[in-house]
Amino acid sequence: MRDEETGSWWQQVTGEAIHGPLKGQKLRPVLHDELTFAVWKSEQPNGRVLRPEEAIVKSGEYAPADWEAGMQKVRVTTAQLLDASLKPRTLVIGVAVNGASKAYPFEALAKQSPIIDDVGGTPIVLVLGPDKKSVRAFERTMDGRKLELYAKQPSTELRLIDPATGTEFDFTGKAVSGQLTGRALQKLAVLNDYWFDWQTYNPKTTIYELGVR
């Protein structure tokens, strides 16, 4: 990313200026979600949507709808020595907590949602949204107690259950029934990324193995 004010170039993942007058400085990260429009709209019915610039649409500068499929065919070139456990363009969900990082292959989460784990000494839970595409992560502690969360079965809506309190949490992390009703899990940042890119910026990352904590 290049800012018009100083001409500095900023790295997309880390937010660090890598060229220009502000080289070495970092932008402050803001917690964000990567959701499908359907999930976002259901949670934010009055939310506003940024319209594309008509001039850019006509010029064809926006990435095409099949950009992701096309990128799968592009050769990966990186100075980082990659862990060959995953193919370079494997889609992973990256989580970084307290200086530690871990990559969760999307396919693993699709088979085992929710995933309860610990990263950087922090108990976490990853959960796949009702659309089977959106992902969120939360700290799974409350009042100093570690929560063991399970998906409610059967259920017409996505619910995570804490058996100890009988509390049910929805996909936003809010407790909607049970002893902890009205409370909310603390959300953690996640990054949907290619494996080669995630490891480039997190060289000491570990990889989640399906069914192993």
Protein backbone atom coordinates (compact mmCIF):
# COMPACT_ATOMS: atom_id res chain seq x y z
CA MET A 1 0.00 0.00 0.00
CA ARG A 2 1.28 3.48 -0.84
CA ASP A 3 0.16 6.61 0.99
CA GLU A 4 -0.24 9.78 -1.07
CA GLU A 5 0.95 12.07 1.75
CA THR A 6 4.53 10.79 2.06
CA GLY A 7 4.92 8.28 -0.77
CA SER A 8 5.79 5.54 1.73
CA TRP A 9 5.05 1.92 0.88
CA TRP A 10 3.37 -0.20 3.58
CA GLN A 11 3.44 -3.97 3.88
CA GLN A 12 -0.09 -5.34 3.68
CA VAL A 13 0.12 -8.00 6.41
CA THR A 14 2.33 -6.37 9.04
CA GLY A 15 1.41 -2.73 8.41
CA GLU A 16 5.10 -1.80 8.42
CA ALA A 17 6.50 0.90 6.10
CA ILE A 18 9.14 -0.83 3.98
CA HIS A 19 10.12 2.07 1.71
CA GLY A 20 9.98 5.85 1.84
CA PRO A 21 10.21 8.57 4.52
CA LEU A 22 8.30 6.50 7.10
CA LYS A 23 10.30 3.30 6.60
CA GLY A 24 10.40 1.22 9.80
CA GLN A 25 7.24 2.66 11.32
CA LYS A 26 4.12 0.52 11.81
CA LEU A 27 0.42 1.18 11.52
CA ARG A 28 -1.68 0.27 14.56
CA PRO A 29 -3.72 -2.87 13.79
CA VAL A 30 -7.49 -2.75 14.19
CA LEU A 31 -9.51 -5.85 15.06
CA HIS A 32 -11.49 -6.91 12.01
CA ASP A 33 -13.60 -9.72 10.63
CA GLU A 34 -13.38 -11.54 7.31
CA LEU A 35 -16.97 -12.61 6.68
CA THR A 36 -19.23 -13.37 3.77
CA PHE A 37 -21.63 -10.57 2.98
CA ALA A 38 -24.60 -12.72 4.06
CA VAL A 39 -23.23 -13.22 7.59
CA TRP A 40 -22.20 -9.57 7.93
CA LYS A 41 -25.61 -8.36 6.73
CA SER A 42 -27.44 -10.64 9.17
CA GLU A 43 -25.42 -9.13 12.04
CA GLN A 44 -25.43 -5.54 10.75
CA PRO A 45 -28.80 -5.06 9.01
CA ASN A 46 -28.29 -1.28 8.92
CA GLY A 47 -24.67 -1.48 7.81
CA ARG A 48 -23.46 0.53 4.83
CA VAL A 49 -21.66 -0.94 1.82
CA LEU A 50 -18.84 0.79 -0.05
CA ARG A 51 -19.75 1.11 -3.71
CA PRO A 52 -17.14 0.45 -6.39
CA GLU A 53 -15.80 3.44 -8.30
CA GLU A 54 -17.56 3.37 -11.68
CA ALA A 55 -14.48 4.66 -13.50
CA ILE A 56 -12.35 1.84 -12.08
CA VAL A 57 -15.02 -0.73 -12.90
CA LYS A 58 -15.02 0.41 -16.53
CA SER A 59 -11.23 0.38 -16.68
CA GLY A 60 -11.10 -3.21 -15.45
CA GLU A 61 -8.63 -2.43 -12.65
CA TYR A 62 -10.59 -4.28 -9.97
CA ALA A 63 -9.65 -7.93 -9.48
CA PRO A 64 -12.00 -10.30 -11.37
CA ALA A 65 -14.40 -12.58 -9.50
CA ASP A 66 -12.25 -15.62 -10.36
CA TRP A 67 -9.02 -14.00 -9.10
CA GLU A 68 -8.56 -16.59 -6.34
CA ALA A 69 -8.77 -19.52 -8.75
CA GLY A 70 -6.30 -17.87 -11.09
CA MET A 71 -3.79 -17.26 -8.30
CA GLN A 72 -3.71 -20.98 -7.52
CA LYS A 73 -1.86 -21.45 -10.82
CA VAL A 74 0.77 -18.77 -10.16
CA ARG A 75 4.21 -20.02 -9.14
CA VAL A 76 5.18 -19.17 -5.55
CA THR A 77 8.52 -17.40 -5.14
CA THR A 78 9.73 -16.45 -1.66
CA ALA A 79 13.04 -16.08 0.15
CA GLN A 80 11.52 -17.90 3.14
CA LEU A 81 12.37 -21.61 3.49
CA LEU A 82 8.86 -23.05 3.60
CA ASP A 83 7.71 -25.94 5.74
CA ALA A 84 6.65 -28.53 3.17
CA SER A 85 3.98 -29.97 5.49
CA LEU A 86 1.47 -27.84 3.59
CA LYS A 87 1.36 -26.82 -0.06
CA PRO A 88 2.35 -23.14 -0.51
CA ARG A 89 -1.14 -22.00 -1.46
CA THR A 90 -3.00 -23.99 1.18
CA LEU A 91 -5.57 -21.67 2.76
CA VAL A 92 -4.90 -21.31 6.49
CA ILE A 93 -6.43 -19.36 9.35
CA GLY A 94 -3.57 -17.62 11.11
CA VAL A 95 -3.76 -16.73 14.80
CA ALA A 96 -1.06 -14.86 16.74
CA VAL A 97 -1.23 -14.42 20.53
CA ASN A 98 1.43 -13.29 23.01
CA GLY A 99 4.25 -13.60 20.48
CA ALA A 100 3.26 -17.12 19.40
CA SER A 101 1.52 -18.00 16.15
CA LYS A 102 -0.31 -20.98 14.71
CA ALA A 103 -1.75 -21.85 11.31
CA TYR A 104 -5.01 -23.77 11.07
CA PRO A 105 -5.67 -25.30 7.63
CA PHE A 106 -9.14 -24.25 6.56
CA GLU A 107 -9.97 -27.84 5.60
CA ALA A 108 -9.21 -28.96 9.16
CA LEU A 109 -11.58 -26.37 10.61
CA ALA A 110 -14.27 -27.37 8.12
CA LYS A 111 -14.04 -30.94 9.44
CA GLN A 112 -13.69 -30.13 13.14
CA SER A 113 -15.45 -26.89 14.01
CA PRO A 114 -15.11 -25.70 16.69
CA ILE A 115 -11.41 -26.22 17.37
CA ILE A 116 -10.33 -25.64 20.97
CA ASP A 117 -6.64 -25.04 21.45
CA ASP A 118 -4.00 -22.96 23.25
CA VAL A 119 -1.76 -20.39 21.54
CA GLY A 120 0.88 -18.43 23.41
CA GLY A 121 -0.49 -19.76 26.69
CA THR A 122 -3.97 -18.45 25.88
CA PRO A 123 -6.91 -20.86 25.58
CA ILE A 124 -8.71 -20.15 22.28
CA VAL A 125 -11.58 -21.45 20.20
CA LEU A 126 -11.91 -21.24 16.42
CA VAL A 127 -15.34 -21.63 14.90
CA LEU A 128 -16.66 -21.80 11.36
CA GLY A 129 -19.71 -19.64 10.69
CA PRO A 130 -23.14 -20.86 9.63
CA ASP A 131 -22.17 -20.20 6.00
CA LYS A 132 -19.22 -22.63 6.30
CA LYS A 133 -16.90 -19.88 5.03
CA SER A 134 -16.62 -17.17 7.69
CA VAL A 135 -14.25 -17.78 10.62
CA ARG A 136 -13.90 -16.24 14.08
CA ALA A 137 -11.61 -16.90 17.04
CA PHE A 138 -12.17 -16.10 20.70
CA GLU A 139 -10.38 -16.43 24.02
CA ARG A 140 -12.19 -19.26 25.79
CA THR A 141 -11.82 -17.97 29.31
CA MET A 142 -14.25 -16.13 31.55
CA ASP A 143 -13.74 -15.03 35.14
CA GLY A 144 -10.40 -16.84 35.12
CA ARG A 145 -11.97 -20.17 34.14
CA LYS A 146 -11.12 -22.07 30.97
CA LEU A 147 -14.23 -22.97 28.97
CA GLU A 148 -14.59 -26.27 27.15
CA LEU A 149 -16.86 -25.35 24.25
CA TYR A 150 -18.76 -27.75 22.02
CA ALA A 151 -21.07 -27.30 19.05
CA LYS A 152 -24.72 -27.85 19.95
CA GLN A 153 -26.18 -30.82 18.13
CA PRO A 154 -28.74 -30.86 16.64
CA SER A 155 -29.41 -27.14 16.23
CA THR A 156 -30.95 -24.91 13.58
CA GLU A 157 -28.52 -22.13 14.57
CA LEU A 158 -24.81 -22.18 15.34
CA ARG A 159 -24.36 -22.46 19.09
CA LEU A 160 -21.31 -23.19 21.25
CA ILE A 161 -22.12 -24.77 24.61
CA ASP A 162 -20.20 -24.46 27.88
CA PRO A 163 -21.36 -27.60 29.76
CA ALA A 164 -20.24 -26.29 33.17
CA THR A 165 -22.69 -23.37 33.12
CA GLY A 166 -25.18 -24.50 30.48
CA THR A 167 -24.38 -21.32 28.56
CA GLU A 168 -24.84 -21.09 24.79
CA PHE A 169 -22.75 -18.65 22.72
CA ASP A 170 -23.60 -17.54 19.18
CA PHE A 171 -21.20 -16.82 16.30
CA THR A 172 -20.59 -13.27 17.55
CA GLY A 173 -19.29 -14.70 20.84
CA LYS A 174 -22.26 -13.45 22.85
CA ALA A 175 -23.89 -15.66 25.48
CA VAL A 176 -27.54 -15.93 24.43
CA SER A 177 -28.79 -18.35 27.10
CA GLY A 178 -27.68 -19.99 30.32
CA GLN A 179 -25.83 -18.76 33.39
CA LEU A 180 -23.58 -16.32 31.48
CA THR A 181 -26.33 -14.72 29.37
CA GLY A 182 -25.36 -11.22 28.22
CA ARG A 183 -21.62 -11.81 28.62
CA ALA A 184 -19.33 -12.15 25.60
CA LEU A 185 -16.14 -13.96 24.72
CA GLN A 186 -13.18 -11.76 23.81
CA LYS A 187 -12.61 -11.81 20.07
CA LEU A 188 -9.15 -12.54 18.61
CA ALA A 189 -7.78 -11.41 15.27
CA VAL A 190 -7.57 -14.03 12.53
CA LEU A 191 -6.04 -13.83 9.08
CA ASN A 192 -7.28 -15.89 6.15
CA ASP A 193 -4.04 -16.36 4.23
CA TYR A 194 -1.99 -18.64 2.02
CA TRP A 195 0.41 -20.86 3.94
CA PHE A 196 3.51 -19.43 2.23
CA ASP A 197 2.49 -15.88 3.10
CA TRP A 198 1.57 -16.64 6.70
CA GLN A 199 4.89 -18.43 7.33
CA THR A 200 6.85 -15.61 5.65
CA TYR A 201 5.65 -13.16 8.30
CA ASN A 202 5.46 -15.73 11.10
CA PRO A 203 8.59 -17.88 10.57
CA LYS A 204 8.24 -19.64 13.94
CA THR A 205 4.58 -20.54 13.42
CA THR A 206 3.34 -24.01 14.19
CA ILE A 207 0.69 -25.92 12.26
CA TYR A 208 -2.48 -27.35 13.76
CA GLU A 209 -2.93 -31.06 13.17
CA LEU A 210 -6.48 -32.32 12.89
CA GLY A 211 -7.60 -33.84 16.18
CA VAL A 212 -4.36 -32.97 18.03
CA ARG A 213 -4.19 -30.34 20.82
